Full PDB file with SEQRES, HELIX, SHEET, SSBOND, CRYST1, ORIGX, SCALE, CONECT and MASTER records, all heavy atoms in Angstrom:
SEQRES   1 A   42  ILE TRP THR ASP ASN GLY THR SER ASP HIS LEU TRP GLN          
SEQRES   2 A   42  LEU VAL SER ALA GLY SER GLY GLU TYR LYS ILE GLU ASN          
SEQRES   3 A   42  VAL ASN SER GLY LEU LEU LEU GLY ILE THR ASN ALA SER          
SEQRES   4 A   42  LYS SER SER                                                  
HELIX    1 AA1 SER A    8  HIS A   10  5                                   3    
HELIX    2 AA2 THR A   36  ALA A   38  5                                   3    
SHEET    1 AA1 2 TRP A  12  GLY A  18  0                                        
SHEET    2 AA1 2 GLU A  21  ASN A  26 -1                                        
CRYST1    1.000    1.000    1.000  90.00  90.00  90.00 P 1           1          
ORIGX1      1.000000  0.000000  0.000000        0.00000                         
ORIGX2      0.000000  1.000000  0.000000        0.00000                         
ORIGX3      0.000000  0.000000  1.000000        0.00000                         
SCALE1      1.000000  0.000000  0.000000        0.00000                         
SCALE2      0.000000  1.000000  0.000000        0.00000                         
SCALE3      0.000000  0.000000  1.000000        0.00000                         
ATOM      1  N   ILE A   1     -40.972  39.741 118.477  1.00  0.00           N  
ATOM      2  CA  ILE A   1     -39.867  39.836 117.522  1.00  0.00           C  
ATOM      3  C   ILE A   1     -40.265  39.053 116.285  1.00  0.00           C  
ATOM      4  O   ILE A   1     -40.941  38.035 116.363  1.00  0.00           O  
ATOM      5  CB  ILE A   1     -38.521  39.344 118.109  1.00  0.00           C  
ATOM      6  CG1 ILE A   1     -38.618  37.918 118.652  1.00  0.00           C  
ATOM      7  CG2 ILE A   1     -38.033  40.297 119.177  1.00  0.00           C  
ATOM      8  CD1 ILE A   1     -37.275  37.330 119.083  1.00  0.00           C  
ATOM      9  N   TRP A   2     -39.835  39.578 115.109  1.00  0.00           N  
ATOM     10  CA  TRP A   2     -40.309  39.005 113.847  1.00  0.00           C  
ATOM     11  C   TRP A   2     -39.264  39.227 112.765  1.00  0.00           C  
ATOM     12  O   TRP A   2     -38.454  40.150 112.844  1.00  0.00           O  
ATOM     13  CB  TRP A   2     -41.612  39.694 113.448  1.00  0.00           C  
ATOM     14  CG  TRP A   2     -42.427  38.915 112.452  1.00  0.00           C  
ATOM     15  CD1 TRP A   2     -42.457  39.115 111.101  1.00  0.00           C  
ATOM     16  CD2 TRP A   2     -43.307  37.836 112.712  1.00  0.00           C  
ATOM     17  NE1 TRP A   2     -43.314  38.230 110.506  1.00  0.00           N  
ATOM     18  CE2 TRP A   2     -43.848  37.419 111.495  1.00  0.00           C  
ATOM     19  CE3 TRP A   2     -43.689  37.165 113.869  1.00  0.00           C  
ATOM     20  CZ2 TRP A   2     -44.755  36.375 111.378  1.00  0.00           C  
ATOM     21  CZ3 TRP A   2     -44.594  36.128 113.755  1.00  0.00           C  
ATOM     22  CH2 TRP A   2     -45.112  35.739 112.526  1.00  0.00           C  
ATOM     23  N   THR A   3     -39.335  38.428 111.736  1.00  0.00           N  
ATOM     24  CA  THR A   3     -38.485  38.590 110.564  1.00  0.00           C  
ATOM     25  C   THR A   3     -38.723  39.960 109.932  1.00  0.00           C  
ATOM     26  O   THR A   3     -39.864  40.440 109.904  1.00  0.00           O  
ATOM     27  CB  THR A   3     -38.820  37.501 109.522  1.00  0.00           C  
ATOM     28  OG1 THR A   3     -38.648  36.215 110.140  1.00  0.00           O  
ATOM     29  CG2 THR A   3     -37.940  37.595 108.299  1.00  0.00           C  
ATOM     30  N   ASP A   4     -37.672  40.584 109.415  1.00  0.00           N  
ATOM     31  CA  ASP A   4     -37.807  41.886 108.753  1.00  0.00           C  
ATOM     32  C   ASP A   4     -38.569  41.700 107.452  1.00  0.00           C  
ATOM     33  O   ASP A   4     -38.065  41.162 106.485  1.00  0.00           O  
ATOM     34  CB  ASP A   4     -36.434  42.490 108.479  1.00  0.00           C  
ATOM     35  CG  ASP A   4     -36.511  43.891 107.896  1.00  0.00           C  
ATOM     36  OD1 ASP A   4     -37.628  44.400 107.695  1.00  0.00           O  
ATOM     37  OD2 ASP A   4     -35.440  44.465 107.653  1.00  0.00           O  
ATOM     38  N   ASN A   5     -39.835  42.126 107.450  1.00  0.00           N  
ATOM     39  CA  ASN A   5     -40.666  42.007 106.255  1.00  0.00           C  
ATOM     40  C   ASN A   5     -41.075  43.373 105.710  1.00  0.00           C  
ATOM     41  O   ASN A   5     -41.971  43.480 104.893  1.00  0.00           O  
ATOM     42  CB  ASN A   5     -41.900  41.146 106.532  1.00  0.00           C  
ATOM     43  CG  ASN A   5     -42.722  41.664 107.696  1.00  0.00           C  
ATOM     44  OD1 ASN A   5     -42.475  42.752 108.207  1.00  0.00           O  
ATOM     45  ND2 ASN A   5     -43.701  40.884 108.122  1.00  0.00           N  
ATOM     46  N   GLY A   6     -40.421  44.436 106.219  1.00  0.00           N  
ATOM     47  CA  GLY A   6     -40.639  45.774 105.691  1.00  0.00           C  
ATOM     48  C   GLY A   6     -41.865  46.493 106.219  1.00  0.00           C  
ATOM     49  O   GLY A   6     -42.186  47.576 105.740  1.00  0.00           O  
ATOM     50  N   THR A   7     -42.553  45.923 107.202  1.00  0.00           N  
ATOM     51  CA  THR A   7     -43.752  46.576 107.716  1.00  0.00           C  
ATOM     52  C   THR A   7     -43.393  47.712 108.680  1.00  0.00           C  
ATOM     53  O   THR A   7     -42.362  47.682 109.353  1.00  0.00           O  
ATOM     54  CB  THR A   7     -44.680  45.570 108.418  1.00  0.00           C  
ATOM     55  OG1 THR A   7     -43.959  44.924 109.469  1.00  0.00           O  
ATOM     56  CG2 THR A   7     -45.192  44.531 107.429  1.00  0.00           C  
ATOM     57  N   SER A   8     -44.273  48.708 108.761  1.00  0.00           N  
ATOM     58  CA  SER A   8     -43.980  49.901 109.559  1.00  0.00           C  
ATOM     59  C   SER A   8     -44.076  49.669 111.064  1.00  0.00           C  
ATOM     60  O   SER A   8     -43.620  50.510 111.838  1.00  0.00           O  
ATOM     61  CB  SER A   8     -44.878  51.060 109.135  1.00  0.00           C  
ATOM     62  OG  SER A   8     -46.235  50.714 109.302  1.00  0.00           O  
ATOM     63  N   ASP A   9     -44.646  48.540 111.494  1.00  0.00           N  
ATOM     64  CA  ASP A   9     -44.684  48.263 112.938  1.00  0.00           C  
ATOM     65  C   ASP A   9     -43.294  47.930 113.482  1.00  0.00           C  
ATOM     66  O   ASP A   9     -43.089  47.877 114.684  1.00  0.00           O  
ATOM     67  CB  ASP A   9     -45.659  47.132 113.277  1.00  0.00           C  
ATOM     68  CG  ASP A   9     -45.213  45.793 112.715  1.00  0.00           C  
ATOM     69  OD1 ASP A   9     -45.109  45.671 111.473  1.00  0.00           O  
ATOM     70  OD2 ASP A   9     -44.975  44.879 113.523  1.00  0.00           O  
ATOM     71  N   HIS A  10     -42.321  47.743 112.601  1.00  0.00           N  
ATOM     72  CA  HIS A  10     -40.934  47.487 113.009  1.00  0.00           C  
ATOM     73  C   HIS A  10     -40.143  48.780 113.186  1.00  0.00           C  
ATOM     74  O   HIS A  10     -38.961  48.727 113.501  1.00  0.00           O  
ATOM     75  CB  HIS A  10     -40.220  46.604 111.983  1.00  0.00           C  
ATOM     76  CG  HIS A  10     -40.736  45.211 111.939  1.00  0.00           C  
ATOM     77  ND1 HIS A  10     -40.633  44.417 110.822  1.00  0.00           N  
ATOM     78  CD2 HIS A  10     -41.378  44.461 112.854  1.00  0.00           C  
ATOM     79  CE1 HIS A  10     -41.172  43.234 111.060  1.00  0.00           C  
ATOM     80  NE2 HIS A  10     -41.635  43.240 112.291  1.00  0.00           N  
ATOM     81  N   LEU A  11     -40.786  49.907 112.966  1.00  0.00           N  
ATOM     82  CA  LEU A  11     -40.096  51.194 113.079  1.00  0.00           C  
ATOM     83  C   LEU A  11     -40.421  51.840 114.418  1.00  0.00           C  
ATOM     84  O   LEU A  11     -41.583  51.927 114.817  1.00  0.00           O  
ATOM     85  CB  LEU A  11     -40.518  52.115 111.932  1.00  0.00           C  
ATOM     86  CG  LEU A  11     -40.245  51.576 110.532  1.00  0.00           C  
ATOM     87  CD1 LEU A  11     -40.778  52.546 109.488  1.00  0.00           C  
ATOM     88  CD2 LEU A  11     -38.778  51.295 110.331  1.00  0.00           C  
ATOM     89  N   TRP A  12     -39.365  52.319 115.082  1.00  0.00           N  
ATOM     90  CA  TRP A  12     -39.487  52.901 116.414  1.00  0.00           C  
ATOM     91  C   TRP A  12     -38.743  54.218 116.474  1.00  0.00           C  
ATOM     92  O   TRP A  12     -37.776  54.417 115.751  1.00  0.00           O  
ATOM     93  CB  TRP A  12     -38.909  51.943 117.459  1.00  0.00           C  
ATOM     94  CG  TRP A  12     -39.595  50.611 117.466  1.00  0.00           C  
ATOM     95  CD1 TRP A  12     -39.290  49.532 116.694  1.00  0.00           C  
ATOM     96  CD2 TRP A  12     -40.710  50.230 118.253  1.00  0.00           C  
ATOM     97  NE1 TRP A  12     -40.151  48.503 116.953  1.00  0.00           N  
ATOM     98  CE2 TRP A  12     -41.030  48.897 117.909  1.00  0.00           C  
ATOM     99  CE3 TRP A  12     -41.480  50.882 119.214  1.00  0.00           C  
ATOM    100  CZ2 TRP A  12     -42.087  48.215 118.514  1.00  0.00           C  
ATOM    101  CZ3 TRP A  12     -42.522  50.191 119.806  1.00  0.00           C  
ATOM    102  CH2 TRP A  12     -42.816  48.868 119.455  1.00  0.00           C  
ATOM    103  N   GLN A  13     -39.190  55.068 117.375  1.00  0.00           N  
ATOM    104  CA  GLN A  13     -38.520  56.344 117.599  1.00  0.00           C  
ATOM    105  C   GLN A  13     -38.228  56.467 119.090  1.00  0.00           C  
ATOM    106  O   GLN A  13     -39.108  56.219 119.921  1.00  0.00           O  
ATOM    107  CB  GLN A  13     -39.434  57.484 117.151  1.00  0.00           C  
ATOM    108  CG  GLN A  13     -38.840  58.843 117.344  1.00  0.00           C  
ATOM    109  CD  GLN A  13     -39.747  59.920 116.744  1.00  0.00           C  
ATOM    110  OE1 GLN A  13     -40.482  59.682 115.799  1.00  0.00           O  
ATOM    111  NE2 GLN A  13     -39.686  61.103 117.309  1.00  0.00           N  
ATOM    112  N   LEU A  14     -36.979  56.837 119.417  1.00  0.00           N  
ATOM    113  CA  LEU A  14     -36.620  57.095 120.809  1.00  0.00           C  
ATOM    114  C   LEU A  14     -36.931  58.553 121.114  1.00  0.00           C  
ATOM    115  O   LEU A  14     -36.459  59.452 120.424  1.00  0.00           O  
ATOM    116  CB  LEU A  14     -35.144  56.816 121.050  1.00  0.00           C  
ATOM    117  CG  LEU A  14     -34.674  55.370 120.852  1.00  0.00           C  
ATOM    118  CD1 LEU A  14     -33.180  55.265 121.073  1.00  0.00           C  
ATOM    119  CD2 LEU A  14     -35.425  54.432 121.785  1.00  0.00           C  
ATOM    120  N   VAL A  15     -37.730  58.785 122.143  1.00  0.00           N  
ATOM    121  CA  VAL A  15     -38.123  60.130 122.545  1.00  0.00           C  
ATOM    122  C   VAL A  15     -37.527  60.386 123.922  1.00  0.00           C  
ATOM    123  O   VAL A  15     -37.860  59.672 124.887  1.00  0.00           O  
ATOM    124  CB  VAL A  15     -39.665  60.266 122.587  1.00  0.00           C  
ATOM    125  CG1 VAL A  15     -40.059  61.657 123.033  1.00  0.00           C  
ATOM    126  CG2 VAL A  15     -40.272  59.902 121.242  1.00  0.00           C  
ATOM    127  N   SER A  16     -36.648  61.375 124.024  1.00  0.00           N  
ATOM    128  CA  SER A  16     -36.002  61.658 125.298  1.00  0.00           C  
ATOM    129  C   SER A  16     -37.033  62.079 126.338  1.00  0.00           C  
ATOM    130  O   SER A  16     -37.886  62.926 126.085  1.00  0.00           O  
ATOM    131  CB  SER A  16     -34.956  62.753 125.139  1.00  0.00           C  
ATOM    132  OG  SER A  16     -34.383  63.059 126.405  1.00  0.00           O  
ATOM    133  N   ALA A  17     -36.922  61.462 127.515  1.00  0.00           N  
ATOM    134  CA  ALA A  17     -37.751  61.844 128.657  1.00  0.00           C  
ATOM    135  C   ALA A  17     -36.898  62.538 129.710  1.00  0.00           C  
ATOM    136  O   ALA A  17     -37.348  62.796 130.815  1.00  0.00           O  
ATOM    137  CB  ALA A  17     -38.434  60.613 129.246  1.00  0.00           C  
ATOM    138  N   GLY A  18     -35.622  62.817 129.351  1.00  0.00           N  
ATOM    139  CA  GLY A  18     -34.693  63.462 130.264  1.00  0.00           C  
ATOM    140  C   GLY A  18     -33.986  62.453 131.156  1.00  0.00           C  
ATOM    141  O   GLY A  18     -34.406  61.302 131.275  1.00  0.00           O  
ATOM    142  N   SER A  19     -32.888  62.873 131.753  1.00  0.00           N  
ATOM    143  CA  SER A  19     -32.117  62.053 132.701  1.00  0.00           C  
ATOM    144  C   SER A  19     -31.677  60.717 132.116  1.00  0.00           C  
ATOM    145  O   SER A  19     -31.592  59.716 132.832  1.00  0.00           O  
ATOM    146  CB  SER A  19     -32.907  61.822 133.992  1.00  0.00           C  
ATOM    147  OG  SER A  19     -33.234  63.040 134.608  1.00  0.00           O  
ATOM    148  N   GLY A  20     -31.440  60.656 130.799  1.00  0.00           N  
ATOM    149  CA  GLY A  20     -30.986  59.416 130.171  1.00  0.00           C  
ATOM    150  C   GLY A  20     -32.077  58.381 129.965  1.00  0.00           C  
ATOM    151  O   GLY A  20     -31.792  57.242 129.618  1.00  0.00           O  
ATOM    152  N   GLU A  21     -33.318  58.775 130.181  1.00  0.00           N  
ATOM    153  CA  GLU A  21     -34.447  57.866 129.980  1.00  0.00           C  
ATOM    154  C   GLU A  21     -35.145  58.199 128.664  1.00  0.00           C  
ATOM    155  O   GLU A  21     -35.150  59.348 128.227  1.00  0.00           O  
ATOM    156  CB  GLU A  21     -35.438  57.975 131.140  1.00  0.00           C  
ATOM    157  CG  GLU A  21     -34.834  57.543 132.462  1.00  0.00           C  
ATOM    158  CD  GLU A  21     -35.758  57.767 133.636  1.00  0.00           C  
ATOM    159  OE1 GLU A  21     -36.682  58.618 133.539  1.00  0.00           O  
ATOM    160  OE2 GLU A  21     -35.553  57.117 134.670  1.00  0.00           O  
ATOM    161  N   TYR A  22     -35.757  57.169 128.067  1.00  0.00           N  
ATOM    162  CA  TYR A  22     -36.418  57.333 126.776  1.00  0.00           C  
ATOM    163  C   TYR A  22     -37.781  56.661 126.782  1.00  0.00           C  
ATOM    164  O   TYR A  22     -37.991  55.657 127.452  1.00  0.00           O  
ATOM    165  CB  TYR A  22     -35.581  56.704 125.651  1.00  0.00           C  
ATOM    166  CG  TYR A  22     -34.278  57.398 125.438  1.00  0.00           C  
ATOM    167  CD1 TYR A  22     -33.149  57.018 126.156  1.00  0.00           C  
ATOM    168  CD2 TYR A  22     -34.177  58.452 124.547  1.00  0.00           C  
ATOM    169  CE1 TYR A  22     -31.937  57.679 125.971  1.00  0.00           C  
ATOM    170  CE2 TYR A  22     -32.974  59.113 124.354  1.00  0.00           C  
ATOM    171  CZ  TYR A  22     -31.857  58.713 125.080  1.00  0.00           C  
ATOM    172  OH  TYR A  22     -30.674  59.375 124.898  1.00  0.00           O  
ATOM    173  N   LYS A  23     -38.684  57.224 125.991  1.00  0.00           N  
ATOM    174  CA  LYS A  23     -39.921  56.560 125.632  1.00  0.00           C  
ATOM    175  C   LYS A  23     -39.670  55.968 124.254  1.00  0.00           C  
ATOM    176  O   LYS A  23     -39.037  56.607 123.411  1.00  0.00           O  
ATOM    177  CB  LYS A  23     -41.078  57.552 125.583  1.00  0.00           C  
ATOM    178  CG  LYS A  23     -41.371  58.193 126.933  1.00  0.00           C  
ATOM    179  CD  LYS A  23     -42.456  59.240 126.815  1.00  0.00           C  
ATOM    180  CE  LYS A  23     -42.686  59.928 128.150  1.00  0.00           C  
ATOM    181  NZ  LYS A  23     -43.744  60.952 128.055  1.00  0.00           N  
ATOM    182  N   ILE A  24     -40.138  54.759 124.020  1.00  0.00           N  
ATOM    183  CA  ILE A  24     -39.952  54.098 122.731  1.00  0.00           C  
ATOM    184  C   ILE A  24     -41.302  54.085 122.027  1.00  0.00           C  
ATOM    185  O   ILE A  24     -42.220  53.376 122.428  1.00  0.00           O  
ATOM    186  CB  ILE A  24     -39.384  52.676 122.912  1.00  0.00           C  
ATOM    187  CG1 ILE A  24     -38.067  52.720 123.704  1.00  0.00           C  
ATOM    188  CG2 ILE A  24     -39.183  52.011 121.546  1.00  0.00           C  
ATOM    189  CD1 ILE A  24     -37.507  51.355 124.049  1.00  0.00           C  
ATOM    190  N   GLU A  25     -41.401  54.911 120.988  1.00  0.00           N  
ATOM    191  CA  GLU A  25     -42.670  55.109 120.286  1.00  0.00           C  
ATOM    192  C   GLU A  25     -42.701  54.308 118.988  1.00  0.00           C  
ATOM    193  O   GLU A  25     -41.781  54.375 118.180  1.00  0.00           O  
ATOM    194  CB  GLU A  25     -42.846  56.589 119.972  1.00  0.00           C  
ATOM    195  CG  GLU A  25     -44.127  56.909 119.245  1.00  0.00           C  
ATOM    196  CD  GLU A  25     -44.262  58.396 118.942  1.00  0.00           C  
ATOM    197  OE1 GLU A  25     -43.938  59.219 119.828  1.00  0.00           O  
ATOM    198  OE2 GLU A  25     -44.667  58.726 117.820  1.00  0.00           O  
ATOM    199  N   ASN A  26     -43.771  53.554 118.792  1.00  0.00           N  
ATOM    200  CA  ASN A  26     -43.949  52.823 117.548  1.00  0.00           C  
ATOM    201  C   ASN A  26     -44.413  53.800 116.472  1.00  0.00           C  
ATOM    202  O   ASN A  26     -45.403  54.509 116.644  1.00  0.00           O  
ATOM    203  CB  ASN A  26     -44.973  51.697 117.729  1.00  0.00           C  
ATOM    204  CG  ASN A  26     -45.076  50.830 116.509  1.00  0.00           C  
ATOM    205  OD1 ASN A  26     -45.873  51.103 115.610  1.00  0.00           O  
ATOM    206  ND2 ASN A  26     -44.251  49.805 116.442  1.00  0.00           N  
ATOM    207  N   VAL A  27     -43.687  53.850 115.365  1.00  0.00           N  
ATOM    208  CA  VAL A  27     -43.993  54.789 114.287  1.00  0.00           C  
ATOM    209  C   VAL A  27     -45.352  54.479 113.662  1.00  0.00           C  
ATOM    210  O   VAL A  27     -46.109  55.393 113.324  1.00  0.00           O  
ATOM    211  CB  VAL A  27     -42.865  54.771 113.231  1.00  0.00           C  
ATOM    212  CG1 VAL A  27     -43.253  55.573 112.002  1.00  0.00           C  
ATOM    213  CG2 VAL A  27     -41.565  55.287 113.838  1.00  0.00           C  
ATOM    214  N   ASN A  28     -45.694  53.218 113.543  1.00  0.00           N  
ATOM    215  CA  ASN A  28     -46.951  52.811 112.913  1.00  0.00           C  
ATOM    216  C   ASN A  28     -48.171  53.250 113.722  1.00  0.00           C  
ATOM    217  O   ASN A  28     -49.144  53.727 113.161  1.00  0.00           O  
ATOM    218  CB  ASN A  28     -46.960  51.291 112.725  1.00  0.00           C  
ATOM    219  CG  ASN A  28     -48.132  50.789 111.921  1.00  0.00           C  
ATOM    220  OD1 ASN A  28     -48.411  51.279 110.833  1.00  0.00           O  
ATOM    221  ND2 ASN A  28     -48.821  49.804 112.447  1.00  0.00           N  
ATOM    222  N   SER A  29     -48.112  53.095 115.032  1.00  0.00           N  
ATOM    223  CA  SER A  29     -49.282  53.358 115.876  1.00  0.00           C  
ATOM    224  C   SER A  29     -49.208  54.674 116.646  1.00  0.00           C  
ATOM    225  O   SER A  29     -50.233  55.184 117.090  1.00  0.00           O  
ATOM    226  CB  SER A  29     -49.461  52.225 116.887  1.00  0.00           C  
ATOM    227  OG  SER A  29     -48.376  52.230 117.815  1.00  0.00           O  
ATOM    228  N   GLY A  30     -47.989  55.181 116.871  1.00  0.00           N  
ATOM    229  CA  GLY A  30     -47.814  56.364 117.703  1.00  0.00           C  
ATOM    230  C   GLY A  30     -47.907  56.066 119.183  1.00  0.00           C  
ATOM    231  O   GLY A  30     -47.907  56.972 120.015  1.00  0.00           O  
ATOM    232  N   LEU A  31     -47.991  54.779 119.544  1.00  0.00           N  
ATOM    233  CA  LEU A  31     -48.107  54.366 120.942  1.00  0.00           C  
ATOM    234  C   LEU A  31     -46.735  53.984 121.504  1.00  0.00           C  
ATOM    235  O   LEU A  31     -45.795  53.729 120.752  1.00  0.00           O  
ATOM    236  CB  LEU A  31     -49.091  53.204 121.064  1.00  0.00           C  
ATOM    237  CG  LEU A  31     -50.512  53.521 120.590  1.00  0.00           C  
ATOM    238  CD1 LEU A  31     -51.372  52.266 120.594  1.00  0.00           C  
ATOM    239  CD2 LEU A  31     -51.143  54.603 121.450  1.00  0.00           C  
ATOM    240  N   LEU A  32     -46.649  53.939 122.834  1.00  0.00           N  
ATOM    241  CA  LEU A  32     -45.370  53.685 123.508  1.00  0.00           C  
ATOM    242  C   LEU A  32     -45.226  52.242 123.950  1.00  0.00           C  
ATOM    243  O   LEU A  32     -46.200  51.587 124.336  1.00  0.00           O  
ATOM    244  CB  LEU A  32     -45.250  54.577 124.747  1.00  0.00           C  
ATOM    245  CG  LEU A  32     -45.350  56.076 124.530  1.00  0.00           C  
ATOM    246  CD1 LEU A  32     -45.225  56.800 125.860  1.00  0.00           C  
ATOM    247  CD2 LEU A  32     -44.287  56.556 123.550  1.00  0.00           C  
ATOM    248  N   LEU A  33     -43.979  51.781 123.952  1.00  0.00           N  
ATOM    249  CA  LEU A  33     -43.659  50.459 124.471  1.00  0.00           C  
ATOM    250  C   LEU A  33     -43.756  50.500 125.987  1.00  0.00           C  
ATOM    251  O   LEU A  33     -43.202  51.395 126.633  1.00  0.00           O  
ATOM    252  CB  LEU A  33     -42.236  50.088 124.040  1.00  0.00           C  
ATOM    253  CG  LEU A  33     -41.842  48.628 124.129  1.00  0.00           C  
ATOM    254  CD1 LEU A  33     -42.686  47.783 123.186  1.00  0.00           C  
ATOM    255  CD2 LEU A  33     -40.368  48.474 123.785  1.00  0.00           C  
ATOM    256  N   GLY A  34     -44.502  49.575 126.555  1.00  0.00           N  
ATOM    257  CA  GLY A  34     -44.690  49.524 128.002  1.00  0.00           C  
ATOM    258  C   GLY A  34     -44.871  48.100 128.483  1.00  0.00           C  
ATOM    259  O   GLY A  34     -44.738  47.149 127.715  1.00  0.00           O  
ATOM    260  N   ILE A  35     -45.186  47.965 129.758  1.00  0.00           N  
ATOM    261  CA  ILE A  35     -45.338  46.666 130.398  1.00  0.00           C  
ATOM    262  C   ILE A  35     -46.764  46.535 130.921  1.00  0.00           C  
ATOM    263  O   ILE A  35     -47.298  47.450 131.552  1.00  0.00           O  
ATOM    264  CB  ILE A  35     -44.342  46.518 131.571  1.00  0.00           C  
ATOM    265  CG1 ILE A  35     -42.908  46.831 131.124  1.00  0.00           C  
ATOM    266  CG2 ILE A  35     -44.438  45.136 132.196  1.00  0.00           C  
ATOM    267  CD1 ILE A  35     -42.356  45.918 130.058  1.00  0.00           C  
ATOM    268  N   THR A  36     -47.386  45.383 130.678  1.00  0.00           N  
ATOM    269  CA  THR A  36     -48.750  45.142 131.122  1.00  0.00           C  
ATOM    270  C   THR A  36     -48.911  45.441 132.604  1.00  0.00           C  
ATOM    271  O   THR A  36     -48.145  44.942 133.427  1.00  0.00           O  
ATOM    272  CB  THR A  36     -49.160  43.680 130.840  1.00  0.00           C  
ATOM    273  OG1 THR A  36     -49.099  43.444 129.440  1.00  0.00           O  
ATOM    274  CG2 THR A  36     -50.571  43.390 131.336  1.00  0.00           C  
ATOM    275  N   ASN A  37     -49.894  46.268 132.924  1.00  0.00           N  
ATOM    276  CA  ASN A  37     -50.217  46.645 134.302  1.00  0.00           C  
ATOM    277  C   ASN A  37     -49.024  47.203 135.062  1.00  0.00           C  
ATOM    278  O   ASN A  37     -48.971  47.101 136.284  1.00  0.00           O  
ATOM    279  CB  ASN A  37     -50.820  45.459 135.055  1.00  0.00           C  
ATOM    280  CG  ASN A  37     -52.125  45.009 134.444  1.00  0.00           C  
ATOM    281  OD1 ASN A  37     -52.947  45.818 134.033  1.00  0.00           O  
ATOM    282  ND2 ASN A  37     -52.313  43.705 134.349  1.00  0.00           N  
ATOM    283  N   ALA A  38     -48.039  47.771 134.344  1.00  0.00           N  
ATOM    284  CA  ALA A  38     -46.834  48.334 134.954  1.00  0.00           C  
ATOM    285  C   ALA A  38     -46.135  47.316 135.856  1.00  0.00           C  
ATOM    286  O   ALA A  38     -45.489  47.661 136.838  1.00  0.00           O  
ATOM    287  CB  ALA A  38     -47.141  49.620 135.714  1.00  0.00           C  
ATOM    288  N   SER A  39     -46.238  46.045 135.481  1.00  0.00           N  
ATOM    289  CA  SER A  39     -45.651  44.966 136.274  1.00  0.00           C  
ATOM    290  C   SER A  39     -44.137  45.112 136.388  1.00  0.00           C  
ATOM    291  O   SER A  39     -43.472  45.592 135.480  1.00  0.00           O  
ATOM    292  CB  SER A  39     -45.970  43.615 135.629  1.00  0.00           C  
ATOM    293  OG  SER A  39     -45.329  42.573 136.330  1.00  0.00           O  
ATOM    294  N   LYS A  40     -43.593  44.674 137.507  1.00  0.00           N  
ATOM    295  CA  LYS A  40     -42.145  44.650 137.734  1.00  0.00           C  
ATOM    296  C   LYS A  40     -41.635  43.216 137.822  1.00  0.00           C  
ATOM    297  O   LYS A  40     -40.512  42.970 138.243  1.00  0.00           O  
ATOM    298  CB  LYS A  40     -41.807  45.420 139.004  1.00  0.00           C  
ATOM    299  CG  LYS A  40     -42.171  46.892 138.899  1.00  0.00           C  
ATOM    300  CD  LYS A  40     -41.859  47.636 140.172  1.00  0.00           C  
ATOM    301  CE  LYS A  40     -42.302  49.085 140.033  1.00  0.00           C  
ATOM    302  NZ  LYS A  40     -42.080  49.838 141.264  1.00  0.00           N  
ATOM    303  N   SER A  41     -42.448  42.258 137.402  1.00  0.00           N  
ATOM    304  CA  SER A  41     -42.106  40.842 137.485  1.00  0.00           C  
ATOM    305  C   SER A  41     -41.428  40.338 136.221  1.00  0.00           C  
ATOM    306  O   SER A  41     -41.796  40.740 135.113  1.00  0.00           O  
ATOM    307  CB  SER A  41     -43.366  40.013 137.724  1.00  0.00           C  
ATOM    308  OG  SER A  41     -43.994  40.399 138.925  1.00  0.00           O  
ATOM    309  N   SER A  42     -40.485  39.434 136.379  1.00  0.00           N  
ATOM    310  CA  SER A  42     -39.864  38.783 135.230  1.00  0.00           C  
ATOM    311  C   SER A  42     -40.937  38.064 134.426  1.00  0.00           C  
ATOM    312  O   SER A  42     -41.853  37.460 134.993  1.00  0.00           O  
ATOM    313  CB  SER A  42     -38.818  37.761 135.688  1.00  0.00           C  
ATOM    314  OG  SER A  42     -37.731  38.408 136.283  1.00  0.00           O  
TER     315      SER A  42                                                      
MASTER        0    0    0    2    2    0    0    6  314    1    0    4          
END                                                                             
């Protein structure tokens, strides 16, 4: 999380994956928000 400085890495797009689930795509990189090694740990 960062101060709003106008950079494009702060822009995201919600992409429906169906069933009320979404992929969160970074507009700057085109990559998805995920968790390291698909971890389920806090």
